[in-house]
Amino acid sequence: MSIEQTLVEPGIIRISVPDDFILDVECAHAMRLKNLELSGGRKFCVLLDTRNGYFTTTPEAFKTLASPEFLFNRLGTAIIVSSLATRLIGNFFKGLNGQASPTRLFTSEQEALKWLRGLIMKSMDILD
């Protein structure tokens, strides 16, 4: 089973991760290429849906995903989690690791989309 990437609406790419998936550097590069294809090379946000279960990111892939190359054109990431407990734990570790682009955890897909739309609107204001 592999990662599924789809364009939800202009500027927002959904990434759905299957349970027990291991995200390695090769997969990170493939994801990046697909994101650029889906966004048409324009700025985009990621809606990362982790409700299907848990997945692991290798340390090398984690560094790759946080690199300037991978942050280029990414306005932010909303991570949808399945429970409040997971959200609290995720927010704790997110704070420890720091983030190079805005990242928030949500239990509601609608709230996640609302936040991402706000990031897109802010980026448009900056460009005007």
N, C-alpha and C. Protein backbone atom coordinates (compact mmCIF):
# COMPACT_ATOMS: atom_id res chain seq x y z
N MET A 1 0.84 -1.18 0.00
CA MET A 1 0.00 0.00 0.00
C MET A 1 0.89 1.24 0.00
N SER A 2 0.44 2.28 -0.70
CA SER A 2 1.28 3.48 -0.80
C SER A 2 0.48 4.72 -0.41
N ILE A 3 1.19 5.82 -0.39
CA ILE A 3 0.59 7.11 -0.07
C ILE A 3 -0.29 7.55 -1.23
N GLU A 4 -1.43 8.17 -0.90
CA GLU A 4 -2.33 8.68 -1.91
C GLU A 4 -2.31 10.20 -1.85
N GLN A 5 -2.09 10.86 -2.99
CA GLN A 5 -2.04 12.31 -3.07
C GLN A 5 -3.07 12.80 -4.08
N THR A 6 -3.91 13.74 -3.64
CA THR A 6 -4.94 14.29 -4.52
C THR A 6 -5.06 15.79 -4.28
N LEU A 7 -5.50 16.49 -5.31
CA LEU A 7 -5.77 17.92 -5.20
C LEU A 7 -7.20 18.07 -4.69
N VAL A 8 -7.35 18.59 -3.47
CA VAL A 8 -8.66 18.76 -2.86
C VAL A 8 -9.37 19.96 -3.48
N GLU A 9 -8.63 21.03 -3.62
CA GLU A 9 -9.10 22.26 -4.23
C GLU A 9 -7.84 23.04 -4.61
N PRO A 10 -7.95 24.07 -5.42
CA PRO A 10 -6.73 24.79 -5.81
C PRO A 10 -5.90 25.20 -4.59
N GLY A 11 -4.64 24.78 -4.59
CA GLY A 11 -3.72 25.15 -3.54
C GLY A 11 -3.66 24.21 -2.35
N ILE A 12 -4.53 23.18 -2.31
CA ILE A 12 -4.53 22.25 -1.17
C ILE A 12 -4.42 20.81 -1.67
N ILE A 13 -3.36 20.15 -1.22
CA ILE A 13 -3.09 18.77 -1.61
C ILE A 13 -3.30 17.87 -0.40
N ARG A 14 -4.16 16.87 -0.56
CA ARG A 14 -4.38 15.87 0.50
C ARG A 14 -3.39 14.72 0.31
N ILE A 15 -2.76 14.38 1.41
CA ILE A 15 -1.89 13.20 1.43
C ILE A 15 -2.47 12.26 2.46
N SER A 16 -2.88 11.07 2.01
CA SER A 16 -3.42 10.05 2.90
C SER A 16 -2.37 8.96 3.07
N VAL A 17 -2.10 8.64 4.33
CA VAL A 17 -1.04 7.68 4.65
C VAL A 17 -1.68 6.40 5.19
N PRO A 18 -1.32 5.24 4.62
CA PRO A 18 -1.88 3.98 5.14
C PRO A 18 -1.26 3.60 6.49
N ASP A 19 -1.94 2.75 7.22
CA ASP A 19 -1.46 2.28 8.51
C ASP A 19 -0.15 1.50 8.35
N ASP A 20 0.74 1.67 9.31
CA ASP A 20 2.04 0.97 9.35
C ASP A 20 2.96 1.30 8.19
N PHE A 21 2.80 2.46 7.61
CA PHE A 21 3.63 2.87 6.47
C PHE A 21 4.95 3.43 6.98
N ILE A 22 6.03 3.16 6.28
CA ILE A 22 7.34 3.73 6.61
C ILE A 22 7.70 4.70 5.50
N LEU A 23 7.79 5.98 5.85
CA LEU A 23 8.14 7.01 4.88
C LEU A 23 9.65 7.19 4.90
N ASP A 24 10.28 6.84 3.78
CA ASP A 24 11.73 6.96 3.68
C ASP A 24 12.08 8.08 2.69
N VAL A 25 13.36 8.30 2.47
CA VAL A 25 13.81 9.40 1.60
C VAL A 25 13.28 9.23 0.18
N GLU A 26 13.31 8.03 -0.34
CA GLU A 26 12.83 7.79 -1.70
C GLU A 26 11.35 8.17 -1.82
N CYS A 27 10.57 7.78 -0.85
CA CYS A 27 9.15 8.13 -0.84
C CYS A 27 8.96 9.64 -0.70
N ALA A 28 9.77 10.29 0.12
CA ALA A 28 9.69 11.75 0.31
C ALA A 28 9.92 12.46 -1.02
N HIS A 29 10.90 12.01 -1.78
CA HIS A 29 11.18 12.64 -3.08
C HIS A 29 10.02 12.41 -4.06
N ALA A 30 9.46 11.21 -4.05
CA ALA A 30 8.32 10.93 -4.93
C ALA A 30 7.12 11.80 -4.54
N MET A 31 6.90 11.98 -3.23
CA MET A 31 5.82 12.85 -2.76
C MET A 31 6.02 14.28 -3.24
N ARG A 32 7.25 14.76 -3.14
CA ARG A 32 7.57 16.13 -3.55
C ARG A 32 7.26 16.33 -5.03
N LEU A 33 7.68 15.39 -5.85
CA LEU A 33 7.42 15.50 -7.29
C LEU A 33 5.92 15.53 -7.58
N LYS A 34 5.17 14.67 -6.91
CA LYS A 34 3.71 14.63 -7.10
C LYS A 34 3.07 15.93 -6.62
N ASN A 35 3.54 16.48 -5.49
CA ASN A 35 3.01 17.76 -5.00
C ASN A 35 3.23 18.87 -6.03
N LEU A 36 4.42 18.91 -6.60
CA LEU A 36 4.72 19.94 -7.62
C LEU A 36 3.84 19.75 -8.85
N GLU A 37 3.61 18.50 -9.23
CA GLU A 37 2.74 18.21 -10.37
C GLU A 37 1.31 18.65 -10.08
N LEU A 38 0.78 18.27 -8.92
CA LEU A 38 -0.59 18.61 -8.56
C LEU A 38 -0.80 20.11 -8.40
N SER A 39 0.22 20.81 -7.92
CA SER A 39 0.10 22.26 -7.69
C SER A 39 0.43 23.07 -8.94
N GLY A 40 0.91 22.42 -9.97
CA GLY A 40 1.31 23.15 -11.17
C GLY A 40 2.52 24.03 -10.92
N GLY A 41 3.33 23.65 -9.92
CA GLY A 41 4.53 24.42 -9.59
C GLY A 41 4.25 25.67 -8.77
N ARG A 42 2.98 25.88 -8.39
CA ARG A 42 2.62 27.06 -7.59
C ARG A 42 2.65 26.73 -6.09
N LYS A 43 2.52 27.75 -5.28
CA LYS A 43 2.50 27.56 -3.83
C LYS A 43 1.30 26.68 -3.45
N PHE A 44 1.48 25.87 -2.41
CA PHE A 44 0.43 24.93 -2.01
C PHE A 44 0.50 24.66 -0.51
N CYS A 45 -0.58 24.10 -0.02
CA CYS A 45 -0.66 23.64 1.37
C CYS A 45 -0.88 22.13 1.34
N VAL A 46 -0.48 21.49 2.43
CA VAL A 46 -0.66 20.04 2.55
C VAL A 46 -1.68 19.75 3.64
N LEU A 47 -2.63 18.89 3.32
CA LEU A 47 -3.59 18.36 4.27
C LEU A 47 -3.20 16.89 4.48
N LEU A 48 -2.47 16.63 5.55
CA LEU A 48 -1.95 15.29 5.82
C LEU A 48 -2.94 14.53 6.69
N ASP A 49 -3.56 13.51 6.11
CA ASP A 49 -4.58 12.73 6.79
C ASP A 49 -3.96 11.47 7.38
N THR A 50 -3.85 11.44 8.71
CA THR A 50 -3.24 10.29 9.38
C THR A 50 -4.27 9.44 10.12
N ARG A 51 -5.55 9.65 9.81
CA ARG A 51 -6.61 8.94 10.54
C ARG A 51 -6.67 7.45 10.24
N ASN A 52 -6.00 6.99 9.16
CA ASN A 52 -6.02 5.57 8.83
C ASN A 52 -5.14 4.74 9.76
N GLY A 53 -4.29 5.39 10.53
CA GLY A 53 -3.41 4.66 11.45
C GLY A 53 -2.10 5.39 11.62
N TYR A 54 -1.14 4.67 12.13
CA TYR A 54 0.15 5.26 12.43
C TYR A 54 1.15 4.98 11.31
N PHE A 55 2.06 5.92 11.12
CA PHE A 55 3.13 5.70 10.16
C PHE A 55 4.42 6.22 10.76
N THR A 56 5.52 5.78 10.19
CA THR A 56 6.84 6.14 10.69
C THR A 56 7.60 6.90 9.61
N THR A 57 8.29 7.94 10.01
CA THR A 57 9.18 8.67 9.10
C THR A 57 10.61 8.40 9.55
N THR A 58 11.45 7.93 8.63
CA THR A 58 12.84 7.67 8.98
C THR A 58 13.52 9.00 9.30
N PRO A 59 14.57 8.99 10.13
CA PRO A 59 15.28 10.23 10.44
C PRO A 59 15.78 10.96 9.19
N GLU A 60 16.25 10.20 8.21
CA GLU A 60 16.74 10.80 6.97
C GLU A 60 15.61 11.48 6.21
N ALA A 61 14.45 10.83 6.17
CA ALA A 61 13.30 11.41 5.48
C ALA A 61 12.80 12.65 6.22
N PHE A 62 12.83 12.62 7.54
CA PHE A 62 12.41 13.77 8.34
C PHE A 62 13.27 14.99 8.01
N LYS A 63 14.59 14.79 7.92
CA LYS A 63 15.51 15.89 7.55
C LYS A 63 15.22 16.39 6.14
N THR A 64 14.98 15.45 5.24
CA THR A 64 14.70 15.80 3.84
C THR A 64 13.43 16.64 3.74
N LEU A 65 12.38 16.23 4.44
CA LEU A 65 11.11 16.94 4.39
C LEU A 65 11.21 18.35 4.96
N ALA A 66 12.17 18.58 5.86
CA ALA A 66 12.36 19.90 6.46
C ALA A 66 13.40 20.75 5.73
N SER A 67 13.96 20.23 4.65
CA SER A 67 15.01 20.95 3.93
C SER A 67 14.41 22.10 3.10
N PRO A 68 15.23 23.11 2.79
CA PRO A 68 14.74 24.25 1.99
C PRO A 68 14.11 23.82 0.66
N GLU A 69 14.68 22.80 0.02
CA GLU A 69 14.14 22.31 -1.25
C GLU A 69 12.69 21.84 -1.08
N PHE A 70 12.43 21.16 0.02
CA PHE A 70 11.09 20.62 0.24
C PHE A 70 10.13 21.66 0.81
N LEU A 71 10.66 22.70 1.42
CA LEU A 71 9.81 23.76 1.96
C LEU A 71 9.42 24.77 0.89
N PHE A 72 10.19 24.80 -0.21
CA PHE A 72 9.93 25.75 -1.28
C PHE A 72 8.51 25.54 -1.81
N ASN A 73 7.72 26.59 -1.84
CA ASN A 73 6.34 26.60 -2.33
C ASN A 73 5.32 26.00 -1.36
N ARG A 74 5.75 25.39 -0.24
CA ARG A 74 4.79 24.85 0.72
C ARG A 74 4.45 25.93 1.73
N LEU A 75 3.20 26.35 1.74
CA LEU A 75 2.75 27.41 2.64
C LEU A 75 2.53 26.91 4.06
N GLY A 76 2.15 25.66 4.21
CA GLY A 76 1.89 25.10 5.53
C GLY A 76 1.32 23.71 5.43
N THR A 77 1.22 23.06 6.59
CA THR A 77 0.71 21.69 6.65
C THR A 77 -0.28 21.57 7.80
N ALA A 78 -1.46 21.04 7.47
CA ALA A 78 -2.45 20.70 8.49
C ALA A 78 -2.46 19.18 8.60
N ILE A 79 -2.27 18.68 9.80
CA ILE A 79 -2.25 17.24 10.02
C ILE A 79 -3.55 16.86 10.73
N ILE A 80 -4.31 15.97 10.10
CA ILE A 80 -5.55 15.50 10.71
C ILE A 80 -5.24 14.22 11.48
N VAL A 81 -5.56 14.23 12.76
CA VAL A 81 -5.33 13.07 13.62
C VAL A 81 -6.69 12.54 14.07
N SER A 82 -6.69 11.32 14.59
CA SER A 82 -7.95 10.64 14.91
C SER A 82 -8.52 10.96 16.29
N SER A 83 -7.69 11.52 17.18
CA SER A 83 -8.21 11.76 18.53
C SER A 83 -7.54 12.98 19.17
N LEU A 84 -8.19 13.50 20.17
CA LEU A 84 -7.65 14.63 20.91
C LEU A 84 -6.33 14.24 21.58
N ALA A 85 -6.24 13.02 22.10
CA ALA A 85 -5.00 12.57 22.76
C ALA A 85 -3.84 12.58 21.77
N THR A 86 -4.07 12.09 20.57
CA THR A 86 -3.03 12.09 19.54
C THR A 86 -2.65 13.52 19.19
N ARG A 87 -3.65 14.39 19.14
CA ARG A 87 -3.38 15.80 18.83
C ARG A 87 -2.51 16.45 19.91
N LEU A 88 -2.81 16.20 21.16
CA LEU A 88 -2.03 16.77 22.25
C LEU A 88 -0.58 16.27 22.23
N ILE A 89 -0.41 14.97 22.01
CA ILE A 89 0.95 14.40 21.94
C ILE A 89 1.69 14.97 20.73
N GLY A 90 1.00 15.05 19.59
CA GLY A 90 1.61 15.59 18.38
C GLY A 90 2.03 17.04 18.55
N ASN A 91 1.19 17.85 19.18
CA ASN A 91 1.54 19.25 19.42
C ASN A 91 2.74 19.37 20.34
N PHE A 92 2.84 18.50 21.32
CA PHE A 92 4.00 18.51 22.22
C PHE A 92 5.28 18.25 21.44
N PHE A 93 5.30 17.19 20.62
CA PHE A 93 6.51 16.86 19.87
C PHE A 93 6.78 17.86 18.76
N LYS A 94 5.74 18.43 18.18
CA LYS A 94 5.92 19.46 17.16
C LYS A 94 6.66 20.65 17.76
N GLY A 95 6.31 21.00 18.99
CA GLY A 95 6.98 22.10 19.69
C GLY A 95 8.43 21.81 19.98
N LEU A 96 8.74 20.56 20.29
CA LEU A 96 10.13 20.18 20.56
C LEU A 96 10.99 20.23 19.31
N ASN A 97 10.43 19.80 18.19
CA ASN A 97 11.20 19.71 16.95
C ASN A 97 11.26 21.03 16.20
N GLY A 98 10.34 21.93 16.47
CA GLY A 98 10.29 23.18 15.71
C GLY A 98 9.79 22.92 14.29
N GLN A 99 9.36 23.94 13.63
CA GLN A 99 8.82 23.79 12.28
C GLN A 99 9.35 24.90 11.41
N ALA A 100 9.75 24.54 10.19
CA ALA A 100 10.25 25.53 9.25
C ALA A 100 9.11 26.20 8.49
N SER A 101 7.95 25.56 8.44
CA SER A 101 6.76 26.18 7.85
C SER A 101 5.60 25.93 8.81
N PRO A 102 4.56 26.76 8.74
CA PRO A 102 3.46 26.58 9.68
C PRO A 102 2.87 25.17 9.63
N THR A 103 2.68 24.59 10.80
CA THR A 103 2.13 23.24 10.91
C THR A 103 1.20 23.20 12.11
N ARG A 104 0.00 22.66 11.90
CA ARG A 104 -0.95 22.52 13.00
C ARG A 104 -1.62 21.16 12.92
N LEU A 105 -2.03 20.66 14.06
CA LEU A 105 -2.75 19.40 14.14
C LEU A 105 -4.22 19.66 14.42
N PHE A 106 -5.09 18.87 13.79
CA PHE A 106 -6.53 19.02 13.91
C PHE A 106 -7.19 17.66 14.05
N THR A 107 -8.33 17.64 14.72
CA THR A 107 -9.17 16.44 14.72
C THR A 107 -10.33 16.63 13.75
N SER A 108 -10.54 17.85 13.27
CA SER A 108 -11.62 18.16 12.33
C SER A 108 -11.04 18.53 10.96
N GLU A 109 -11.47 17.81 9.95
CA GLU A 109 -11.02 18.12 8.59
C GLU A 109 -11.49 19.51 8.15
N GLN A 110 -12.71 19.88 8.54
CA GLN A 110 -13.25 21.19 8.16
C GLN A 110 -12.41 22.32 8.77
N GLU A 111 -12.01 22.16 10.03
CA GLU A 111 -11.17 23.18 10.67
C GLU A 111 -9.79 23.24 10.02
N ALA A 112 -9.26 22.10 9.65
CA ALA A 112 -7.95 22.04 8.98
C ALA A 112 -8.02 22.77 7.64
N LEU A 113 -9.06 22.51 6.87
CA LEU A 113 -9.22 23.17 5.58
C LEU A 113 -9.40 24.68 5.75
N LYS A 114 -10.16 25.08 6.75
CA LYS A 114 -10.36 26.51 7.01
C LYS A 114 -9.02 27.20 7.30
N TRP A 115 -8.18 26.55 8.12
CA TRP A 115 -6.87 27.12 8.45
C TRP A 115 -5.98 27.21 7.21
N LEU A 116 -5.98 26.14 6.39
CA LEU A 116 -5.16 26.15 5.16
C LEU A 116 -5.62 27.23 4.19
N ARG A 117 -6.93 27.39 4.06
CA ARG A 117 -7.46 28.45 3.19
C ARG A 117 -6.99 29.83 3.67
N GLY A 118 -6.92 29.99 4.99
CA GLY A 118 -6.42 31.25 5.54
C GLY A 118 -4.97 31.49 5.18
N LEU A 119 -4.14 30.43 5.19
CA LEU A 119 -2.73 30.56 4.79
C LEU A 119 -2.64 30.99 3.32
N ILE A 120 -3.49 30.40 2.49
CA ILE A 120 -3.48 30.75 1.07
C ILE A 120 -3.88 32.21 0.89
N MET A 121 -4.91 32.64 1.59
CA MET A 121 -5.35 34.04 1.49
C MET A 121 -4.24 35.00 1.96
N LYS A 122 -3.56 34.66 3.05
CA LYS A 122 -2.46 35.50 3.52
C LYS A 122 -1.36 35.60 2.48
N SER A 123 -1.05 34.49 1.84
CA SER A 123 0.02 34.52 0.83
C SER A 123 -0.39 35.37 -0.36
N MET A 124 -1.67 35.40 -0.69
CA MET A 124 -2.15 36.23 -1.79
C MET A 124 -2.06 37.70 -1.42
N ASP A 125 -2.36 38.04 -0.16
CA ASP A 125 -2.24 39.43 0.32
C ASP A 125 -0.81 39.92 0.22
N ILE A 126 0.13 39.05 0.55
CA ILE A 126 1.55 39.42 0.48
C ILE A 126 1.99 39.68 -0.95
N LEU A 127 1.45 38.90 -1.87
CA LEU A 127 1.83 39.03 -3.29
C LEU A 127 1.24 40.29 -3.93
N ASP A 128 0.11 40.76 -3.42
CA ASP A 128 -0.55 41.94 -4.02
C ASP A 128 0.19 43.22 -3.74
